[in-house]
Amino acid sequence: MCPKSNAVYNAFNRCMADIRQDPDYEVPVHLRNAPTKLLKSMGHGESYRYAHDEPEAFAAGESYLPEAIHQRRYYQPVNRGLEIKLAEKRERLNQRNAESTRKRYS
């Protein structure tokens, strides 16, 4: 039998609760599309890091959330089944983020 987990369900519910109670945050400027010269001049898309071009396809130190909430983590893997490996990988990536000299936010 497969180990069962509701970690994704719990993460989804925590995220939805934040969406309901928090203000609407702006999309970070580095993630905004810049199809015009005006938007490019406003910095849209500037300093965007394409993860596929980074070592191991991971942009260490990058953040895709607004600065005010960039530390939030919703998914908490449980200690069984495949989620053990997911937790191990997450720890490795967290370590790479911590050691990165290219952090998006301080």
PDB file of N, CA and C in Angstrom:
ATOM      1  N   MET A   1       0.830  -1.175   0.000  1.00  0.00           N
ATOM      2  CA  MET A   1       0.000   0.000   0.000  1.00  0.00           C
ATOM      3  C   MET A   1       0.879   1.244   0.000  1.00  0.00           C
ATOM      4  N   CYS A   2       0.391   2.276  -0.612  1.00  0.00           N
ATOM      5  CA  CYS A   2       1.100   3.550  -0.669  1.00  0.00           C
ATOM      6  C   CYS A   2       0.914   4.330   0.628  1.00  0.00           C
ATOM      7  N   PRO A   3       1.993   4.938   1.108  1.00  0.00           N
ATOM      8  CA  PRO A   3       1.846   5.814   2.264  1.00  0.00           C
ATOM      9  C   PRO A   3       0.928   6.988   1.907  1.00  0.00           C
ATOM     10  N   LYS A   4       0.116   7.391   2.835  1.00  0.00           N
ATOM     11  CA  LYS A   4      -0.834   8.474   2.592  1.00  0.00           C
ATOM     12  C   LYS A   4      -0.329   9.761   3.226  1.00  0.00           C
ATOM     13  N   SER A   5      -0.700  10.874   2.613  1.00  0.00           N
ATOM     14  CA  SER A   5      -0.311  12.175   3.133  1.00  0.00           C
ATOM     15  C   SER A   5      -1.351  13.209   2.733  1.00  0.00           C
ATOM     16  N   ASN A   6      -1.570  14.140   3.606  1.00  0.00           N
ATOM     17  CA  ASN A   6      -2.435  15.269   3.270  1.00  0.00           C
ATOM     18  C   ASN A   6      -1.634  16.572   3.268  1.00  0.00           C
ATOM     19  N   ALA A   7      -0.318  16.480   3.094  1.00  0.00           N
ATOM     20  CA  ALA A   7       0.559  17.649   3.145  1.00  0.00           C
ATOM     21  C   ALA A   7       0.204  18.675   2.068  1.00  0.00           C
ATOM     22  N   VAL A   8      -0.085  18.222   0.858  1.00  0.00           N
ATOM     23  CA  VAL A   8      -0.445  19.158  -0.214  1.00  0.00           C
ATOM     24  C   VAL A   8      -1.792  19.806   0.089  1.00  0.00           C
ATOM     25  N   TYR A   9      -2.731  19.022   0.563  1.00  0.00           N
ATOM     26  CA  TYR A   9      -4.048  19.541   0.946  1.00  0.00           C
ATOM     27  C   TYR A   9      -3.907  20.613   2.034  1.00  0.00           C
ATOM     28  N   ASN A  10      -3.075  20.337   3.037  1.00  0.00           N
ATOM     29  CA  ASN A  10      -2.851  21.308   4.108  1.00  0.00           C
ATOM     30  C   ASN A  10      -2.171  22.565   3.585  1.00  0.00           C
ATOM     31  N   ALA A  11      -1.198  22.406   2.702  1.00  0.00           N
ATOM     32  CA  ALA A  11      -0.513  23.561   2.117  1.00  0.00           C
ATOM     33  C   ALA A  11      -1.491  24.423   1.327  1.00  0.00           C
ATOM     34  N   PHE A  12      -2.320  23.773   0.545  1.00  0.00           N
ATOM     35  CA  PHE A  12      -3.329  24.500  -0.235  1.00  0.00           C
ATOM     36  C   PHE A  12      -4.247  25.301   0.689  1.00  0.00           C
ATOM     37  N   ASN A  13      -4.701  24.686   1.755  1.00  0.00           N
ATOM     38  CA  ASN A  13      -5.604  25.373   2.692  1.00  0.00           C
ATOM     39  C   ASN A  13      -4.923  26.548   3.385  1.00  0.00           C
ATOM     40  N   ARG A  14      -3.654  26.381   3.768  1.00  0.00           N
ATOM     41  CA  ARG A  14      -2.926  27.500   4.392  1.00  0.00           C
ATOM     42  C   ARG A  14      -2.747  28.644   3.400  1.00  0.00           C
ATOM     43  N   CYS A  15      -2.440  28.293   2.171  1.00  0.00           N
ATOM     44  CA  CYS A  15      -2.271  29.312   1.125  1.00  0.00           C
ATOM     45  C   CYS A  15      -3.583  30.047   0.877  1.00  0.00           C
ATOM     46  N   MET A  16      -4.666  29.325   0.752  1.00  0.00           N
ATOM     47  CA  MET A  16      -5.972  29.952   0.520  1.00  0.00           C
ATOM     48  C   MET A  16      -6.374  30.851   1.687  1.00  0.00           C
ATOM     49  N   ALA A  17      -6.067  30.456   2.897  1.00  0.00           N
ATOM     50  CA  ALA A  17      -6.366  31.297   4.061  1.00  0.00           C
ATOM     51  C   ALA A  17      -5.594  32.604   3.982  1.00  0.00           C
ATOM     52  N   ASP A  18      -4.321  32.534   3.579  1.00  0.00           N
ATOM     53  CA  ASP A  18      -3.531  33.759   3.419  1.00  0.00           C
ATOM     54  C   ASP A  18      -4.099  34.639   2.313  1.00  0.00           C
ATOM     55  N   ILE A  19      -4.522  34.032   1.234  1.00  0.00           N
ATOM     56  CA  ILE A  19      -5.101  34.801   0.128  1.00  0.00           C
ATOM     57  C   ILE A  19      -6.338  35.548   0.596  1.00  0.00           C
ATOM     58  N   ARG A  20      -7.141  34.906   1.411  1.00  0.00           N
ATOM     59  CA  ARG A  20      -8.377  35.541   1.899  1.00  0.00           C
ATOM     60  C   ARG A  20      -8.095  36.685   2.867  1.00  0.00           C
ATOM     61  N   GLN A  21      -7.071  36.563   3.694  1.00  0.00           N
ATOM     62  CA  GLN A  21      -6.856  37.559   4.742  1.00  0.00           C
ATOM     63  C   GLN A  21      -5.813  38.612   4.404  1.00  0.00           C
ATOM     64  N   ASP A  22      -4.863  38.301   3.537  1.00  0.00           N
ATOM     65  CA  ASP A  22      -3.789  39.243   3.224  1.00  0.00           C
ATOM     66  C   ASP A  22      -4.219  40.236   2.148  1.00  0.00           C
ATOM     67  N   PRO A  23      -3.479  41.341   2.054  1.00  0.00           N
ATOM     68  CA  PRO A  23      -3.770  42.288   0.969  1.00  0.00           C
ATOM     69  C   PRO A  23      -3.344  41.691  -0.371  1.00  0.00           C
ATOM     70  N   ASP A  24      -3.786  42.307  -1.439  1.00  0.00           N
ATOM     71  CA  ASP A  24      -3.318  41.909  -2.767  1.00  0.00           C
ATOM     72  C   ASP A  24      -1.910  42.466  -2.942  1.00  0.00           C
ATOM     73  N   TYR A  25      -0.968  41.591  -3.219  1.00  0.00           N
ATOM     74  CA  TYR A  25       0.408  42.020  -3.438  1.00  0.00           C
ATOM     75  C   TYR A  25       0.652  42.201  -4.927  1.00  0.00           C
ATOM     76  N   GLU A  26       1.503  43.139  -5.260  1.00  0.00           N
ATOM     77  CA  GLU A  26       1.904  43.341  -6.646  1.00  0.00           C
ATOM     78  C   GLU A  26       2.804  42.189  -7.098  1.00  0.00           C
ATOM     79  N   VAL A  27       2.737  41.864  -8.367  1.00  0.00           N
ATOM     80  CA  VAL A  27       3.673  40.897  -8.934  1.00  0.00           C
ATOM     81  C   VAL A  27       5.060  41.540  -8.883  1.00  0.00           C
ATOM     82  N   PRO A  28       6.067  40.820  -8.389  1.00  0.00           N
ATOM     83  CA  PRO A  28       7.411  41.398  -8.356  1.00  0.00           C
ATOM     84  C   PRO A  28       7.848  41.868  -9.744  1.00  0.00           C
ATOM     85  N   VAL A  29       8.519  43.000  -9.793  1.00  0.00           N
ATOM     86  CA  VAL A  29       8.896  43.625 -11.066  1.00  0.00           C
ATOM     87  C   VAL A  29       9.736  42.687 -11.928  1.00  0.00           C
ATOM     88  N   HIS A  30      10.623  41.914 -11.313  1.00  0.00           N
ATOM     89  CA  HIS A  30      11.481  41.020 -12.107  1.00  0.00           C
ATOM     90  C   HIS A  30      10.696  39.908 -12.796  1.00  0.00           C
ATOM     91  N   LEU A  31       9.439  39.669 -12.359  1.00  0.00           N
ATOM     92  CA  LEU A  31       8.611  38.631 -12.980  1.00  0.00           C
ATOM     93  C   LEU A  31       7.616  39.197 -13.995  1.00  0.00           C
ATOM     94  N   ARG A  32       7.542  40.493 -14.104  1.00  0.00           N
ATOM     95  CA  ARG A  32       6.565  41.106 -15.003  1.00  0.00           C
ATOM     96  C   ARG A  32       7.046  41.067 -16.448  1.00  0.00           C
ATOM     97  N   ASN A  33       6.109  40.852 -17.339  1.00  0.00           N
ATOM     98  CA  ASN A  33       6.381  40.841 -18.764  1.00  0.00           C
ATOM     99  C   ASN A  33       6.703  42.260 -19.234  1.00  0.00           C
ATOM    100  N   ALA A  34       7.581  42.386 -20.200  1.00  0.00           N
ATOM    101  CA  ALA A  34       7.959  43.696 -20.731  1.00  0.00           C
ATOM    102  C   ALA A  34       7.838  43.701 -22.256  1.00  0.00           C
ATOM    103  N   PRO A  35       6.615  43.668 -22.787  1.00  0.00           N
ATOM    104  CA  PRO A  35       6.451  43.604 -24.235  1.00  0.00           C
ATOM    105  C   PRO A  35       6.646  44.949 -24.943  1.00  0.00           C
ATOM    106  N   THR A  36       6.770  46.035 -24.189  1.00  0.00           N
ATOM    107  CA  THR A  36       6.937  47.353 -24.808  1.00  0.00           C
ATOM    108  C   THR A  36       8.187  48.046 -24.268  1.00  0.00           C
ATOM    109  N   LYS A  37       8.663  49.052 -24.995  1.00  0.00           N
ATOM    110  CA  LYS A  37       9.818  49.827 -24.539  1.00  0.00           C
ATOM    111  C   LYS A  37       9.514  50.530 -23.220  1.00  0.00           C
ATOM    112  N   LEU A  38       8.288  51.011 -23.075  1.00  0.00           N
ATOM    113  CA  LEU A  38       7.910  51.695 -21.847  1.00  0.00           C
ATOM    114  C   LEU A  38       8.050  50.766 -20.643  1.00  0.00           C
ATOM    115  N   LEU A  39       7.509  49.556 -20.751  1.00  0.00           N
ATOM    116  CA  LEU A  39       7.587  48.619 -19.628  1.00  0.00           C
ATOM    117  C   LEU A  39       9.031  48.190 -19.365  1.00  0.00           C
ATOM    118  N   LYS A  40       9.821  48.038 -20.417  1.00  0.00           N
ATOM    119  CA  LYS A  40      11.241  47.723 -20.231  1.00  0.00           C
ATOM    120  C   LYS A  40      11.935  48.862 -19.497  1.00  0.00           C
ATOM    121  N   SER A  41      11.597  50.104 -19.870  1.00  0.00           N
ATOM    122  CA  SER A  41      12.212  51.262 -19.213  1.00  0.00           C
ATOM    123  C   SER A  41      11.804  51.363 -17.750  1.00  0.00           C
ATOM    124  N   MET A  42      10.678  50.750 -17.400  1.00  0.00           N
ATOM    125  CA  MET A  42      10.211  50.739 -16.013  1.00  0.00           C
ATOM    126  C   MET A  42      10.813  49.569 -15.223  1.00  0.00           C
ATOM    127  N   GLY A  43      11.663  48.781 -15.864  1.00  0.00           N
ATOM    128  CA  GLY A  43      12.365  47.699 -15.186  1.00  0.00           C
ATOM    129  C   GLY A  43      11.657  46.359 -15.188  1.00  0.00           C
ATOM    130  N   HIS A  44      10.550  46.262 -15.899  1.00  0.00           N
ATOM    131  CA  HIS A  44       9.825  44.985 -15.931  1.00  0.00           C
ATOM    132  C   HIS A  44      10.712  43.896 -16.535  1.00  0.00           C
ATOM    133  N   GLY A  45      10.792  42.792 -15.849  1.00  0.00           N
ATOM    134  CA  GLY A  45      11.568  41.650 -16.328  1.00  0.00           C
ATOM    135  C   GLY A  45      13.065  41.783 -16.131  1.00  0.00           C
ATOM    136  N   GLU A  46      13.507  42.928 -15.666  1.00  0.00           N
ATOM    137  CA  GLU A  46      14.936  43.150 -15.477  1.00  0.00           C
ATOM    138  C   GLU A  46      15.461  42.243 -14.374  1.00  0.00           C
ATOM    139  N   SER A  47      16.602  41.702 -14.560  1.00  0.00           N
ATOM    140  CA  SER A  47      17.292  40.806 -13.624  1.00  0.00           C
ATOM    141  C   SER A  47      16.548  39.490 -13.389  1.00  0.00           C
ATOM    142  N   TYR A  48      15.643  39.143 -14.311  1.00  0.00           N
ATOM    143  CA  TYR A  48      14.979  37.836 -14.227  1.00  0.00           C
ATOM    144  C   TYR A  48      16.009  36.749 -14.461  1.00  0.00           C
ATOM    145  N   ARG A  49      15.982  35.730 -13.648  1.00  0.00           N
ATOM    146  CA  ARG A  49      16.903  34.604 -13.792  1.00  0.00           C
ATOM    147  C   ARG A  49      16.128  33.387 -14.288  1.00  0.00           C
ATOM    148  N   TYR A  50      16.499  32.920 -15.453  1.00  0.00           N
ATOM    149  CA  TYR A  50      15.860  31.757 -16.065  1.00  0.00           C
ATOM    150  C   TYR A  50      16.475  30.505 -15.446  1.00  0.00           C
ATOM    151  N   ALA A  51      15.714  29.830 -14.614  1.00  0.00           N
ATOM    152  CA  ALA A  51      16.246  28.705 -13.839  1.00  0.00           C
ATOM    153  C   ALA A  51      16.877  27.628 -14.714  1.00  0.00           C
ATOM    154  N   HIS A  52      16.359  27.412 -15.914  1.00  0.00           N
ATOM    155  CA  HIS A  52      16.898  26.364 -16.782  1.00  0.00           C
ATOM    156  C   HIS A  52      18.332  26.660 -17.217  1.00  0.00           C
ATOM    157  N   ASP A  53      18.747  27.919 -17.127  1.00  0.00           N
ATOM    158  CA  ASP A  53      20.114  28.292 -17.477  1.00  0.00           C
ATOM    159  C   ASP A  53      21.045  28.289 -16.264  1.00  0.00           C
ATOM    160  N   GLU A  54      20.529  27.985 -15.114  1.00  0.00           N
ATOM    161  CA  GLU A  54      21.310  27.985 -13.880  1.00  0.00           C
ATOM    162  C   GLU A  54      21.835  26.565 -13.596  1.00  0.00           C
ATOM    163  N   PRO A  55      22.879  26.448 -12.779  1.00  0.00           N
ATOM    164  CA  PRO A  55      23.378  25.116 -12.414  1.00  0.00           C
ATOM    165  C   PRO A  55      22.267  24.250 -11.821  1.00  0.00           C
ATOM    166  N   GLU A  56      22.151  23.045 -12.325  1.00  0.00           N
ATOM    167  CA  GLU A  56      21.132  22.080 -11.900  1.00  0.00           C
ATOM    168  C   GLU A  56      19.711  22.621 -12.059  1.00  0.00           C
ATOM    169  N   ALA A  57      19.548  23.598 -12.947  1.00  0.00           N
ATOM    170  CA  ALA A  57      18.244  24.208 -13.243  1.00  0.00           C
ATOM    171  C   ALA A  57      17.567  24.754 -11.987  1.00  0.00           C
ATOM    172  N   PHE A  58      18.374  25.335 -11.085  1.00  0.00           N
ATOM    173  CA  PHE A  58      17.857  25.921  -9.852  1.00  0.00           C
ATOM    174  C   PHE A  58      18.523  27.270  -9.635  1.00  0.00           C
ATOM    175  N   ALA A  59      17.728  28.326  -9.578  1.00  0.00           N
ATOM    176  CA  ALA A  59      18.237  29.684  -9.388  1.00  0.00           C
ATOM    177  C   ALA A  59      18.381  29.950  -7.885  1.00  0.00           C
ATOM    178  N   ALA A  60      19.495  29.516  -7.332  1.00  0.00           N
ATOM    179  CA  ALA A  60      19.724  29.658  -5.891  1.00  0.00           C
ATOM    180  C   ALA A  60      19.656  31.120  -5.484  1.00  0.00           C
ATOM    181  N   GLY A  61      18.903  31.384  -4.411  1.00  0.00           N
ATOM    182  CA  GLY A  61      18.748  32.734  -3.900  1.00  0.00           C
ATOM    183  C   GLY A  61      17.596  33.507  -4.515  1.00  0.00           C
ATOM    184  N   GLU A  62      16.986  32.961  -5.545  1.00  0.00           N
ATOM    185  CA  GLU A  62      15.883  33.644  -6.230  1.00  0.00           C
ATOM    186  C   GLU A  62      14.589  33.482  -5.447  1.00  0.00           C
ATOM    187  N   SER A  63      13.664  34.401  -5.647  1.00  0.00           N
ATOM    188  CA  SER A  63      12.346  34.321  -5.034  1.00  0.00           C
ATOM    189  C   SER A  63      11.305  34.705  -6.068  1.00  0.00           C
ATOM    190  N   TYR A  64      10.179  34.029  -6.025  1.00  0.00           N
ATOM    191  CA  TYR A  64       9.099  34.294  -6.971  1.00  0.00           C
ATOM    192  C   TYR A  64       7.873  34.858  -6.268  1.00  0.00           C
ATOM    193  N   LEU A  65       8.010  35.129  -4.979  1.00  0.00           N
ATOM    194  CA  LEU A  65       6.931  35.743  -4.209  1.00  0.00           C
ATOM    195  C   LEU A  65       7.262  37.211  -3.970  1.00  0.00           C
ATOM    196  N   PRO A  66       6.263  38.016  -3.668  1.00  0.00           N
ATOM    197  CA  PRO A  66       6.540  39.403  -3.292  1.00  0.00           C
ATOM    198  C   PRO A  66       7.442  39.441  -2.049  1.00  0.00           C
ATOM    199  N   GLU A  67       8.228  40.499  -1.926  1.00  0.00           N
ATOM    200  CA  GLU A  67       9.194  40.587  -0.832  1.00  0.00           C
ATOM    201  C   GLU A  67       8.544  40.444   0.545  1.00  0.00           C
ATOM    202  N   ALA A  68       7.359  41.011   0.724  1.00  0.00           N
ATOM    203  CA  ALA A  68       6.693  40.978   2.029  1.00  0.00           C
ATOM    204  C   ALA A  68       6.373  39.560   2.501  1.00  0.00           C
ATOM    205  N   ILE A  69       6.269  38.619   1.594  1.00  0.00           N
ATOM    206  CA  ILE A  69       5.894  37.250   1.975  1.00  0.00           C
ATOM    207  C   ILE A  69       6.888  36.210   1.457  1.00  0.00           C
ATOM    208  N   HIS A  70       8.059  36.629   1.040  1.00  0.00           N
ATOM    209  CA  HIS A  70       8.985  35.689   0.390  1.00  0.00           C
ATOM    210  C   HIS A  70       9.492  34.584   1.302  1.00  0.00           C
ATOM    211  N   GLN A  71       9.359  34.725   2.603  1.00  0.00           N
ATOM    212  CA  GLN A  71       9.828  33.689   3.531  1.00  0.00           C
ATOM    213  C   GLN A  71       8.782  32.600   3.800  1.00  0.00           C
ATOM    214  N   ARG A  72       7.584  32.796   3.336  1.00  0.00           N
ATOM    215  CA  ARG A  72       6.523  31.821   3.621  1.00  0.00           C
ATOM    216  C   ARG A  72       6.774  30.495   2.902  1.00  0.00           C
ATOM    217  N   ARG A  73       6.476  29.426   3.615  1.00  0.00           N
ATOM    218  CA  ARG A  73       6.553  28.076   3.053  1.00  0.00           C
ATOM    219  C   ARG A  73       5.256  27.379   3.408  1.00  0.00           C
ATOM    220  N   TYR A  74       4.556  26.920   2.414  1.00  0.00           N
ATOM    221  CA  TYR A  74       3.262  26.293   2.658  1.00  0.00           C
ATOM    222  C   TYR A  74       3.354  24.775   2.725  1.00  0.00           C
ATOM    223  N   TYR A  75       4.112  24.197   1.835  1.00  0.00           N
ATOM    224  CA  TYR A  75       4.209  22.736   1.787  1.00  0.00           C
ATOM    225  C   TYR A  75       5.195  22.244   2.833  1.00  0.00           C
ATOM    226  N   GLN A  76       4.724  21.379   3.707  1.00  0.00           N
ATOM    227  CA  GLN A  76       5.566  20.743   4.719  1.00  0.00           C
ATOM    228  C   GLN A  76       5.452  19.234   4.535  1.00  0.00           C
ATOM    229  N   PRO A  77       6.444  18.614   3.897  1.00  0.00           N
ATOM    230  CA  PRO A  77       6.353  17.176   3.657  1.00  0.00           C
ATOM    231  C   PRO A  77       6.312  16.381   4.970  1.00  0.00           C
ATOM    232  N   VAL A  78       5.571  15.286   4.939  1.00  0.00           N
ATOM    233  CA  VAL A  78       5.513  14.406   6.105  1.00  0.00           C
ATOM    234  C   VAL A  78       6.693  13.438   6.045  1.00  0.00           C
ATOM    235  N   ASN A  79       6.970  12.773   7.131  1.00  0.00           N
ATOM    236  CA  ASN A  79       8.138  11.903   7.233  1.00  0.00           C
ATOM    237  C   ASN A  79       7.798  10.453   6.887  1.00  0.00           C
ATOM    238  N   ARG A  80       7.273  10.266   5.668  1.00  0.00           N
ATOM    239  CA  ARG A  80       6.995   8.901   5.207  1.00  0.00           C
ATOM    240  C   ARG A  80       6.867   8.905   3.676  1.00  0.00           C
ATOM    241  N   GLY A  81       7.097   7.734   3.119  1.00  0.00           N
ATOM    242  CA  GLY A  81       6.963   7.573   1.671  1.00  0.00           C
ATOM    243  C   GLY A  81       7.894   8.487   0.882  1.00  0.00           C
ATOM    244  N   LEU A  82       7.468   8.863  -0.302  1.00  0.00           N
ATOM    245  CA  LEU A  82       8.242   9.725  -1.196  1.00  0.00           C
ATOM    246  C   LEU A  82       8.542  11.085  -0.572  1.00  0.00           C
ATOM    247  N   GLU A  83       7.709  11.502   0.358  1.00  0.00           N
ATOM    248  CA  GLU A  83       7.906  12.824   0.952  1.00  0.00           C
ATOM    249  C   GLU A  83       9.186  12.911   1.769  1.00  0.00           C
ATOM    250  N   ILE A  84       9.735  11.785   2.183  1.00  0.00           N
ATOM    251  CA  ILE A  84      11.043  11.799   2.850  1.00  0.00           C
ATOM    252  C   ILE A  84      12.083  12.327   1.876  1.00  0.00           C
ATOM    253  N   LYS A  85      12.060  11.817   0.652  1.00  0.00           N
ATOM    254  CA  LYS A  85      13.013  12.277  -0.368  1.00  0.00           C
ATOM    255  C   LYS A  85      12.753  13.740  -0.751  1.00  0.00           C
ATOM    256  N   LEU A  86      11.487  14.123  -0.807  1.00  0.00           N
ATOM    257  CA  LEU A  86      11.168  15.522  -1.112  1.00  0.00           C
ATOM    258  C   LEU A  86      11.703  16.450  -0.021  1.00  0.00           C
ATOM    259  N   ALA A  87      11.587  16.031   1.216  1.00  0.00           N
ATOM    260  CA  ALA A  87      12.106  16.827   2.327  1.00  0.00           C
ATOM    261  C   ALA A  87      13.630  16.938   2.249  1.00  0.00           C
ATOM    262  N   GLU A  88      14.296  15.860   1.873  1.00  0.00           N
ATOM    263  CA  GLU A  88      15.756  15.880   1.729  1.00  0.00           C
ATOM    264  C   GLU A  88      16.169  16.835   0.615  1.00  0.00           C
ATOM    265  N   LYS A  89      15.470  16.766  -0.505  1.00  0.00           N
ATOM    266  CA  LYS A  89      15.800  17.670  -1.610  1.00  0.00           C
ATOM    267  C   LYS A  89      15.537  19.113  -1.206  1.00  0.00           C
ATOM    268  N   ARG A  90      14.436  19.341  -0.538  1.00  0.00           N
ATOM    269  CA  ARG A  90      14.116  20.701  -0.102  1.00  0.00           C
ATOM    270  C   ARG A  90      15.215  21.239   0.812  1.00  0.00           C
ATOM    271  N   GLU A  91      15.726  20.401   1.694  1.00  0.00           N
ATOM    272  CA  GLU A  91      16.798  20.824   2.589  1.00  0.00           C
ATOM    273  C   GLU A  91      18.054  21.190   1.800  1.00  0.00           C
ATOM    274  N   ARG A  92      18.386  20.395   0.779  1.00  0.00           N
ATOM    275  CA  ARG A  92      19.549  20.715  -0.068  1.00  0.00           C
ATOM    276  C   ARG A  92      19.346  22.049  -0.778  1.00  0.00           C
ATOM    277  N   LEU A  93      18.144  22.269  -1.313  1.00  0.00           N
ATOM    278  CA  LEU A  93      17.878  23.527  -2.015  1.00  0.00           C
ATOM    279  C   LEU A  93      17.863  24.708  -1.045  1.00  0.00           C
ATOM    280  N   ASN A  94      17.329  24.507   0.154  1.00  0.00           N
ATOM    281  CA  ASN A  94      17.366  25.567   1.168  1.00  0.00           C
ATOM    282  C   ASN A  94      18.805  25.936   1.506  1.00  0.00           C
ATOM    283  N   GLN A  95      19.672  24.935   1.579  1.00  0.00           N
ATOM    284  CA  GLN A  95      21.087  25.186   1.863  1.00  0.00           C
ATOM    285  C   GLN A  95      21.724  25.990   0.728  1.00  0.00           C
ATOM    286  N   ARG A  96      21.408  25.640  -0.500  1.00  0.00           N
ATOM    287  CA  ARG A  96      21.943  26.392  -1.643  1.00  0.00           C
ATOM    288  C   ARG A  96      21.436  27.832  -1.620  1.00  0.00           C
ATOM    289  N   ASN A  97      20.166  28.015  -1.259  1.00  0.00           N
ATOM    290  CA  ASN A  97      19.632  29.377  -1.133  1.00  0.00           C
ATOM    291  C   ASN A  97      20.392  30.158  -0.068  1.00  0.00           C
ATOM    292  N   ALA A  98      20.630  29.524   1.076  1.00  0.00           N
ATOM    293  CA  ALA A  98      21.318  30.194   2.181  1.00  0.00           C
ATOM    294  C   ALA A  98      22.745  30.581   1.802  1.00  0.00           C
ATOM    295  N   GLU A  99      23.393  29.765   0.992  1.00  0.00           N
ATOM    296  CA  GLU A  99      24.792  30.016   0.607  1.00  0.00           C
ATOM    297  C   GLU A  99      24.909  30.922  -0.625  1.00  0.00           C
ATOM    298  N   SER A 100      23.822  31.206  -1.281  1.00  0.00           N
ATOM    299  CA  SER A 100      23.860  31.972  -2.524  1.00  0.00           C
ATOM    300  C   SER A 100      24.340  33.404  -2.306  1.00  0.00           C
ATOM    301  N   THR A 101      25.139  33.883  -3.230  1.00  0.00           N
ATOM    302  CA  THR A 101      25.571  35.287  -3.222  1.00  0.00           C
ATOM    303  C   THR A 101      24.628  36.146  -4.075  1.00  0.00           C
ATOM    304  N   ARG A 102      23.604  35.526  -4.619  1.00  0.00           N
ATOM    305  CA  ARG A 102      22.663  36.245  -5.505  1.00  0.00           C
ATOM    306  C   ARG A 102      21.255  36.200  -4.923  1.00  0.00           C
ATOM    307  N   LYS A 103      21.101  36.569  -3.679  1.00  0.00           N
ATOM    308  CA  LYS A 103      19.782  36.557  -3.051  1.00  0.00           C
ATOM    309  C   LYS A 103      18.914  37.685  -3.602  1.00  0.00           C
ATOM    310  N   ARG A 104      17.688  37.385  -3.923  1.00  0.00           N
ATOM    311  CA  ARG A 104      16.746  38.394  -4.434  1.00  0.00           C
ATOM    312  C   ARG A 104      16.438  39.437  -3.370  1.00  0.00           C
ATOM    313  N   TYR A 105      16.152  38.963  -2.177  1.00  0.00           N
ATOM    314  CA  TYR A 105      15.817  39.853  -1.065  1.00  0.00           C
ATOM    315  C   TYR A 105      16.775  39.567   0.085  1.00  0.00           C
ATOM    316  N   SER A 106      17.009  40.545   0.904  1.00  0.00           N
ATOM    317  CA  SER A 106      17.911  40.366   2.057  1.00  0.00           C
ATOM    318  C   SER A 106      17.253  39.565   3.139  1.00  0.00           C
TER     319      SER A 106
END
